[in-house]
């Protein structure tokens, strides 16, 4: 089975290169930690560390050989040993010492996911900042609420912004919590690690954790998988929220609506990528029924990569569009007033009473008051208007 993150296209090659680079980062840190613990000779560690450079390896070759070796990690380790032996024959015996392929690939995935999630966190923060500013400016701006492009009630644009903010903050908090439990160094749980590392496994793991800036995992199998799947579900939830916001703004930016002006591609990108998330997270959840202790991390690579990539793309695109978004408050009010003149008689008056705008504005202001300066504390649910 080909375990590359995608096909042979340039984007797939880049992703394979990034994953292999993260594995090499792990192997270098492992050699350094084992040398510090006196488990391997310092000269061997220096040879391994000096060889753990992605530029020294033929990535397409490693990916192709992954099918023969049973996975990308096995192929990478074999190629690393062969390359190290060119410079230091004795040092090759200490490559990947006391480590399993599963541990290497799990830790590499954590390294890559951490960087992507940090970038997503920054994008979310930028989106939230824009929405908070809009909520303050347009607390009293009347706007139509729509379901499937059909106007159903009147509200305030500030209220809509605070609802979007609350959803994003909840996702941001969830990602931070589950990232801390899921993204960890996985090493030292193999049957051979105790003898091969001369009883220094705890010290080596502690050094690995510090070097890679990841907490150390205390288990490898079921609970680790559950943590990883929980993080995947949080990513999928964010994708859904981004899709919702993107759809709402795309509707408001249509020519015949004209309530906002911004590049529509960003909003449509968020919506399109969000539609992929259910299938991607379903592929991850299917791993929960895996056989005994055999975690299918190789199979999971493609599903996790796609979920994280599409959600990251949606977050970035929405952030860029929000940065240049312009609100036409006069057009929002005009659309409300025009609809009021054409409402069917059977429409409940309370839904389109402009007093709803004042109540929604009050809810928006309550939310903004509850949020502390600099966003140290943000409510995860909008404050209901009176």
Protein backbone atom coordinates (compact mmCIF):
# COMPACT_ATOMS: atom_id res chain seq x y z
CA UNK A 1 0.00 0.00 0.00
CA UNK A 2 1.31 3.45 -0.90
CA UNK A 3 1.42 5.46 2.31
CA UNK A 4 2.14 8.86 0.75
CA UNK A 5 -0.20 11.57 1.90
CA UNK A 6 -1.43 12.00 -1.64
CA UNK A 7 -0.53 11.01 -5.17
CA UNK A 8 2.56 11.86 -7.15
CA UNK A 9 1.66 15.52 -7.68
CA UNK A 10 3.88 18.31 -6.39
CA UNK A 11 1.56 19.04 -3.47
CA UNK A 12 1.68 15.39 -2.42
CA UNK A 13 5.46 15.38 -2.70
CA UNK A 14 5.64 18.45 -0.48
CA UNK A 15 3.46 16.81 2.17
CA UNK A 16 5.51 13.61 2.07
CA UNK A 17 8.67 15.71 2.43
CA UNK A 18 7.23 17.52 5.44
CA UNK A 19 6.26 14.26 7.15
CA UNK A 20 9.64 12.66 6.53
CA UNK A 21 11.32 15.85 7.73
CA UNK A 22 9.35 15.62 10.97
CA UNK A 23 10.40 11.98 11.40
CA UNK A 24 14.03 12.96 10.92
CA UNK A 25 13.58 15.70 13.52
CA UNK A 26 12.34 13.03 15.93
CA UNK A 27 15.22 10.66 15.13
CA UNK A 28 17.80 13.41 15.66
CA UNK A 29 16.26 14.38 19.00
CA UNK A 30 16.16 10.70 20.02
CA UNK A 31 19.85 10.21 19.25
CA UNK A 32 20.76 13.37 21.16
CA UNK A 33 18.72 12.30 24.20
CA UNK A 34 20.15 8.79 24.20
CA UNK A 35 23.70 10.13 23.99
CA UNK A 36 23.02 12.48 26.91
CA UNK A 37 21.75 9.48 28.92
CA UNK A 38 24.90 7.52 28.11
CA UNK A 39 23.04 4.89 26.10
CA UNK A 40 24.81 5.48 22.77
CA UNK A 41 28.27 6.92 22.02
CA UNK A 42 28.35 10.72 21.45
CA UNK A 43 30.16 10.17 18.16
CA UNK A 44 27.31 7.94 16.94
CA UNK A 45 24.75 10.54 17.97
CA UNK A 46 26.63 13.25 16.09
CA UNK A 47 26.66 11.12 12.94
CA UNK A 48 22.93 10.43 13.21
CA UNK A 49 22.07 14.07 13.94
CA UNK A 50 24.22 15.28 11.05
CA UNK A 51 22.49 12.87 8.68
CA UNK A 52 18.92 13.77 9.73
CA UNK A 53 18.56 16.37 6.98
CA UNK A 54 15.78 15.91 4.48
CA UNK A 55 17.97 17.26 1.65
CA UNK A 56 20.10 14.11 1.89
CA UNK A 57 17.21 11.79 1.02
CA UNK A 58 15.31 10.82 -2.11
CA UNK A 59 11.73 11.36 -0.92
CA UNK A 60 9.94 9.71 -3.89
CA UNK A 61 12.18 6.65 -3.46
CA UNK A 62 11.34 6.39 0.24
CA UNK A 63 7.63 6.70 -0.53
CA UNK A 64 7.81 3.98 -3.19
CA UNK A 65 9.74 1.65 -0.89
CA UNK A 66 7.16 2.25 1.83
CA UNK A 67 4.84 -0.19 0.08
CA UNK A 68 7.50 -2.90 0.29
CA UNK A 69 8.62 -2.20 3.85
CA UNK A 70 5.09 -2.04 5.25
CA UNK A 71 4.91 1.70 5.76
CA UNK A 72 6.54 5.06 5.28
CA UNK A 73 8.24 4.99 8.69
CA UNK A 74 9.92 1.63 8.07
CA UNK A 75 11.21 2.83 4.71
CA UNK A 76 12.51 6.07 6.21
CA UNK A 77 14.35 4.27 9.03
CA UNK A 78 15.99 1.85 6.58
CA UNK A 79 17.15 4.71 4.36
CA UNK A 80 18.41 6.62 7.40
CA UNK A 81 20.47 3.64 8.56
CA UNK A 82 21.95 3.20 5.08
CA UNK A 83 22.85 6.89 4.81
CA UNK A 84 24.37 7.02 8.31
CA UNK A 85 26.49 3.96 7.53
CA UNK A 86 28.08 5.81 4.60
CA UNK A 87 29.64 8.27 7.04
CA UNK A 88 29.91 6.09 10.15
CA UNK A 89 29.36 2.37 9.84
CA UNK A 90 29.22 1.77 13.60
CA UNK A 91 26.70 4.56 14.19
CA UNK A 92 24.08 2.94 11.96
CA UNK A 93 23.45 0.31 14.65
CA UNK A 94 22.20 3.04 17.00
CA UNK A 95 19.65 4.55 14.60
CA UNK A 96 16.05 4.27 15.87
CA UNK A 97 17.25 2.49 19.04
CA UNK A 98 14.46 1.19 21.27
CA UNK A 99 11.85 2.76 19.02
CA UNK A 100 8.96 1.45 16.95
CA UNK A 101 7.87 2.75 13.58
CA UNK A 102 4.51 3.54 15.10
CA UNK A 103 6.11 5.79 17.71
CA UNK A 104 8.14 7.63 15.08
CA UNK A 105 5.21 8.31 12.81
CA UNK A 106 2.86 9.30 15.64
CA UNK A 107 5.35 11.81 17.01
CA UNK A 108 6.04 13.18 13.52
CA UNK A 109 2.31 13.66 12.97
CA UNK A 110 2.12 15.53 16.27
CA UNK A 111 4.99 17.82 15.25
CA UNK A 112 3.31 18.70 11.95
CA UNK A 113 -0.18 19.03 13.41
CA UNK A 114 1.07 21.35 16.15
CA UNK A 115 2.45 23.83 13.62
CA UNK A 116 -0.73 23.77 11.51
CA UNK A 117 -2.96 24.15 14.57
CA UNK A 118 -0.90 27.10 15.77
CA UNK A 119 -1.38 28.81 12.41
CA UNK A 120 -5.11 28.06 12.56
CA UNK A 121 -5.27 29.50 16.08
CA UNK A 122 -3.74 32.73 14.82
CA UNK A 123 -6.20 32.89 11.92
CA UNK A 124 -9.14 32.31 14.27
CA UNK A 125 -7.89 35.10 16.53
CA UNK A 126 -7.72 37.49 13.57
CA UNK A 127 -11.25 36.59 12.46
CA UNK A 128 -12.55 37.05 16.00
CA UNK A 129 -10.88 40.45 16.32
CA UNK A 130 -12.55 41.67 13.12
CA UNK A 131 -15.94 40.34 14.22
CA UNK A 132 -15.65 41.98 17.64
CA UNK A 133 -14.90 45.30 15.99
CA UNK A 134 -17.89 44.89 13.68
CA UNK A 135 -20.11 43.91 16.63
CA UNK A 136 -19.24 47.17 18.38
CA UNK A 137 -19.76 49.29 15.27
CA UNK A 138 -22.99 47.65 14.15
CA UNK A 139 -24.78 46.67 17.35
CA UNK A 140 -27.78 48.79 16.26
CA UNK A 141 -27.62 48.06 12.53
CA UNK A 142 -30.77 46.15 11.51
CA UNK A 143 -30.22 43.13 9.30
CA UNK A 144 -32.35 40.30 8.01
CA UNK A 145 -31.90 36.80 9.36
CA UNK A 146 -32.08 34.24 6.59
CA UNK A 147 -32.54 30.48 6.36
CA UNK A 148 -31.71 28.91 3.01
CA UNK A 149 -31.59 32.43 1.52
CA UNK A 150 -35.14 33.09 2.73
CA UNK A 151 -35.68 36.05 5.10
CA UNK A 152 -37.23 34.81 8.35
CA UNK A 153 -36.78 37.65 10.87
CA UNK A 154 -35.01 40.92 11.61
CA UNK A 155 -32.06 41.21 13.97
CA UNK A 156 -28.90 43.32 14.32
CA UNK A 157 -25.65 42.75 12.51
CA UNK A 158 -23.78 43.13 15.80
CA UNK A 159 -25.79 40.25 17.23
CA UNK A 160 -24.92 38.05 14.26
CA UNK A 161 -21.24 38.89 14.74
CA UNK A 162 -21.27 37.94 18.42
CA UNK A 163 -22.89 34.60 17.60
CA UNK A 164 -20.12 33.88 15.11
CA UNK A 165 -17.51 34.96 17.67
CA UNK A 166 -18.94 32.71 20.39
CA UNK A 167 -18.85 29.68 18.08
CA UNK A 168 -15.27 30.38 17.01
CA UNK A 169 -14.10 30.91 20.59
CA UNK A 170 -15.65 27.62 21.64
CA UNK A 171 -13.80 25.87 18.79
CA UNK A 172 -10.56 27.66 19.62
CA UNK A 173 -10.77 26.58 23.26
CA UNK A 174 -11.58 23.01 22.28
CA UNK A 175 -8.64 22.79 19.91
CA UNK A 176 -6.25 24.11 22.55
CA UNK A 177 -7.45 21.60 25.15
CA UNK A 178 -7.39 18.57 22.87
CA UNK A 179 -4.08 19.57 21.28
CA UNK A 180 -2.41 19.34 24.68
CA UNK A 181 -3.66 15.79 25.24
CA UNK A 182 -3.30 14.45 21.68
CA UNK A 183 -0.05 15.99 20.43
CA UNK A 184 2.60 14.17 22.42
CA UNK A 185 5.95 12.43 22.13
CA UNK A 186 5.35 8.70 21.72
CA UNK A 187 8.40 6.68 22.71
CA UNK A 188 9.56 4.06 25.18
CA UNK A 189 6.51 1.80 25.17
CA UNK A 190 8.01 -0.91 22.98
CA UNK A 191 8.97 -4.30 24.43
CA UNK A 192 12.63 -3.84 23.54
CA UNK A 193 13.10 -0.27 24.72
CA UNK A 194 13.75 -1.25 28.35
CA UNK A 195 16.76 -3.43 27.58
CA UNK A 196 18.14 -1.44 24.64
CA UNK A 197 18.11 1.84 26.58
CA UNK A 198 19.68 0.35 29.73
CA UNK A 199 16.91 1.50 32.04
CA UNK A 200 17.22 5.13 30.96
CA UNK A 201 13.87 5.28 29.15
CA UNK A 202 12.33 7.84 31.53
CA UNK A 203 15.29 10.20 31.25
CA UNK A 204 15.39 9.86 27.47
CA UNK A 205 11.66 10.49 27.17
CA UNK A 206 11.95 13.60 29.34
CA UNK A 207 14.72 14.98 27.12
CA UNK A 208 12.73 14.15 23.99
CA UNK A 209 9.74 15.99 25.38
CA UNK A 210 11.80 19.08 26.12
CA UNK A 211 13.62 19.04 22.76
CA UNK A 212 10.46 18.63 20.69
CA UNK A 213 8.33 20.89 22.92
CA UNK A 214 5.68 18.18 23.28
CA UNK A 215 4.37 16.54 26.43
CA UNK A 216 5.37 12.93 26.93
CA UNK A 217 2.71 10.28 26.36
CA UNK A 218 2.12 7.75 29.13
CA UNK A 219 0.44 5.27 26.83
CA UNK A 220 0.52 4.27 23.18
CA UNK A 221 -2.62 2.46 22.17
CA UNK A 222 -6.33 2.95 22.91
CA UNK A 223 -6.30 6.12 25.01
CA UNK A 224 -3.79 7.74 22.64
CA UNK A 225 -6.07 6.93 19.73
CA UNK A 226 -9.07 8.36 21.56
CA UNK A 227 -7.18 11.60 22.23
CA UNK A 228 -6.25 11.84 18.56
CA UNK A 229 -9.82 11.19 17.40
CA UNK A 230 -11.18 13.78 19.86
CA UNK A 231 -8.83 16.35 18.35
CA UNK A 232 -10.01 15.36 14.88
CA UNK A 233 -13.63 15.88 15.91
CA UNK A 234 -12.76 19.36 17.22
CA UNK A 235 -11.11 20.20 13.90
CA UNK A 236 -14.21 18.99 12.06
CA UNK A 237 -16.42 21.09 14.34
CA UNK A 238 -14.34 24.16 13.48
CA UNK A 239 -14.74 23.33 9.80
CA UNK A 240 -18.51 23.32 10.26
CA UNK A 241 -18.46 26.71 11.99
CA UNK A 242 -16.24 28.16 9.27
CA UNK A 243 -18.60 26.77 6.64
CA UNK A 244 -21.58 28.36 8.40
CA UNK A 245 -19.90 31.78 8.59
CA UNK A 246 -18.69 31.48 5.01
CA UNK A 247 -22.16 30.60 3.76
CA UNK A 248 -23.77 33.48 5.66
CA UNK A 249 -21.28 36.04 4.38
CA UNK A 250 -21.43 34.70 0.83
CA UNK A 251 -25.21 35.17 0.91
CA UNK A 252 -24.88 38.71 2.28
CA UNK A 253 -22.32 39.54 -0.38
CA UNK A 254 -24.45 38.52 -3.35
CA UNK A 255 -25.09 41.36 -5.79
CA UNK A 256 -28.83 41.43 -5.20
CA UNK A 257 -28.27 41.52 -1.42
CA UNK A 258 -25.19 43.76 -1.34
CA UNK A 259 -24.86 44.02 2.44
CA UNK A 260 -21.12 43.37 2.51
CA UNK A 261 -18.21 43.68 0.11
CA UNK A 262 -15.24 41.30 0.22
CA UNK A 263 -13.61 38.68 -2.03
CA UNK A 264 -16.24 35.98 -2.30
CA UNK A 265 -13.62 33.28 -2.90
CA UNK A 266 -12.65 33.20 0.77
CA UNK A 267 -16.22 32.65 1.93
CA UNK A 268 -16.85 30.01 -0.72
CA UNK A 269 -13.56 28.32 0.15
CA UNK A 270 -14.60 28.02 3.78
CA UNK A 271 -17.95 26.54 2.81
CA UNK A 272 -16.48 24.10 0.28
CA UNK A 273 -13.81 22.80 2.65
CA UNK A 274 -16.36 22.45 5.46
CA UNK A 275 -18.41 20.14 3.27
CA UNK A 276 -15.46 17.74 3.12
CA UNK A 277 -15.03 17.48 6.89
CA UNK A 278 -17.82 14.93 7.64
CA UNK A 279 -16.30 12.33 5.31
CA UNK A 280 -12.78 13.00 6.55
CA UNK A 281 -13.61 12.73 10.25
CA UNK A 282 -15.70 9.62 9.54
CA UNK A 283 -12.58 7.95 8.14
CA UNK A 284 -10.76 8.77 11.38
CA UNK A 285 -13.57 7.48 13.59
CA UNK A 286 -13.55 4.20 11.70
CA UNK A 287 -10.15 3.52 13.31
CA UNK A 288 -11.80 3.25 16.74
CA UNK A 289 -12.82 -0.33 15.89
CA UNK A 290 -9.29 -1.41 14.95
CA UNK A 291 -8.06 -4.89 15.87
CA UNK A 292 -6.60 -5.21 19.38
CA UNK A 293 -3.47 -3.03 19.89
CA UNK A 294 -2.63 -2.60 16.20
CA UNK A 295 -3.20 1.13 15.69
CA UNK A 296 -3.66 1.85 12.00
CA UNK A 297 -1.60 5.05 11.94
CA UNK A 298 -0.43 4.37 8.41
CA UNK A 299 -4.01 4.18 7.16
CA UNK A 300 -4.90 7.27 9.15
CA UNK A 301 -2.29 9.48 7.51
CA UNK A 302 -4.37 10.39 4.48
CA UNK A 303 -7.62 11.04 6.39
CA UNK A 304 -5.98 13.15 9.11
CA UNK A 305 -3.88 15.07 6.60
CA UNK A 306 -6.89 15.91 4.45
CA UNK A 307 -9.03 16.98 7.41
CA UNK A 308 -6.34 19.24 8.83
CA UNK A 309 -5.36 20.62 5.43
CA UNK A 310 -8.86 21.50 4.29
CA UNK A 311 -9.80 23.10 7.62
CA UNK A 312 -6.56 25.07 7.70
CA UNK A 313 -7.20 26.30 4.17
CA UNK A 314 -10.72 27.37 5.12
CA UNK A 315 -9.48 29.21 8.21
CA UNK A 316 -6.80 31.06 6.28
CA UNK A 317 -9.09 32.01 3.41
CA UNK A 318 -11.79 33.31 5.74
CA UNK A 319 -9.21 35.29 7.73
CA UNK A 320 -7.93 36.96 4.57
CA UNK A 321 -11.43 37.86 3.39
CA UNK A 322 -12.46 39.16 6.79
CA UNK A 323 -9.43 41.46 6.86
CA UNK A 324 -10.80 43.44 3.89
CA UNK A 325 -14.53 43.02 4.57
CA UNK A 326 -16.65 46.18 4.23
CA UNK A 327 -20.15 46.47 5.68
CA UNK A 328 -22.91 48.48 3.96
CA UNK A 329 -25.16 49.39 6.90
CA UNK A 330 -27.45 51.50 4.69
CA UNK A 331 -28.05 48.54 2.38
CA UNK A 332 -28.85 46.31 5.37
CA UNK A 333 -31.47 48.79 6.58
CA UNK A 334 -32.80 49.24 3.05
CA UNK A 335 -33.27 45.49 2.63
CA UNK A 336 -35.21 45.33 5.90
CA UNK A 337 -37.46 48.26 5.00
CA UNK A 338 -38.07 46.95 1.49
CA UNK A 339 -39.11 43.57 2.82
CA UNK A 340 -41.44 45.11 5.38
CA UNK A 341 -43.40 46.72 2.53
CA UNK A 342 -43.91 43.42 0.72
CA UNK A 343 -44.53 40.96 3.57
CA UNK A 344 -47.56 38.68 3.18
CA UNK A 345 -50.35 39.48 5.62
CA UNK A 346 -50.07 36.12 7.34
CA UNK A 347 -46.45 36.77 8.36
CA UNK A 348 -46.14 37.20 12.16
CA UNK A 349 -45.45 40.89 12.81
CA UNK A 350 -43.21 40.08 15.79
CA UNK A 351 -40.58 38.45 13.56
CA UNK A 352 -39.99 41.62 11.58
CA UNK A 353 -40.66 44.20 14.26
CA UNK A 354 -37.73 46.61 14.31
CA UNK A 355 -37.83 46.41 18.12
CA UNK A 356 -36.12 43.06 17.66
CA UNK A 357 -33.08 45.02 16.48
CA UNK A 358 -32.87 46.85 19.81
CA UNK A 359 -33.16 43.58 21.76
CA UNK A 360 -30.51 41.94 19.59
CA UNK A 361 -28.25 44.97 20.04
CA UNK A 362 -28.63 44.63 23.81
CA UNK A 363 -27.58 40.98 23.60
CA UNK A 364 -24.58 41.94 21.51
CA UNK A 365 -23.48 44.56 24.06
CA UNK A 366 -23.88 42.09 26.94
CA UNK A 367 -21.59 39.69 25.17
CA UNK A 368 -19.00 42.39 24.55
CA UNK A 369 -19.17 43.46 28.20
CA UNK A 370 -18.63 39.86 29.34
CA UNK A 371 -15.48 39.58 27.22
CA UNK A 372 -12.41 40.77 29.12
CA UNK A 373 -9.89 43.14 27.50
CA UNK A 374 -7.37 41.51 25.18
CA UNK A 375 -9.69 38.47 25.00
CA UNK A 376 -8.17 36.62 27.98
CA UNK A 377 -11.68 35.39 28.71
CA UNK A 378 -14.39 35.08 26.09
CA UNK A 379 -17.90 33.66 26.54
CA UNK A 380 -18.48 30.51 24.51
CA UNK A 381 -22.17 31.26 24.05
CA UNK A 382 -23.88 34.48 23.00
CA UNK A 383 -25.84 36.29 25.72
CA UNK A 384 -29.49 35.98 24.84
CA UNK A 385 -31.20 39.36 24.30
CA UNK A 386 -34.03 40.24 26.68
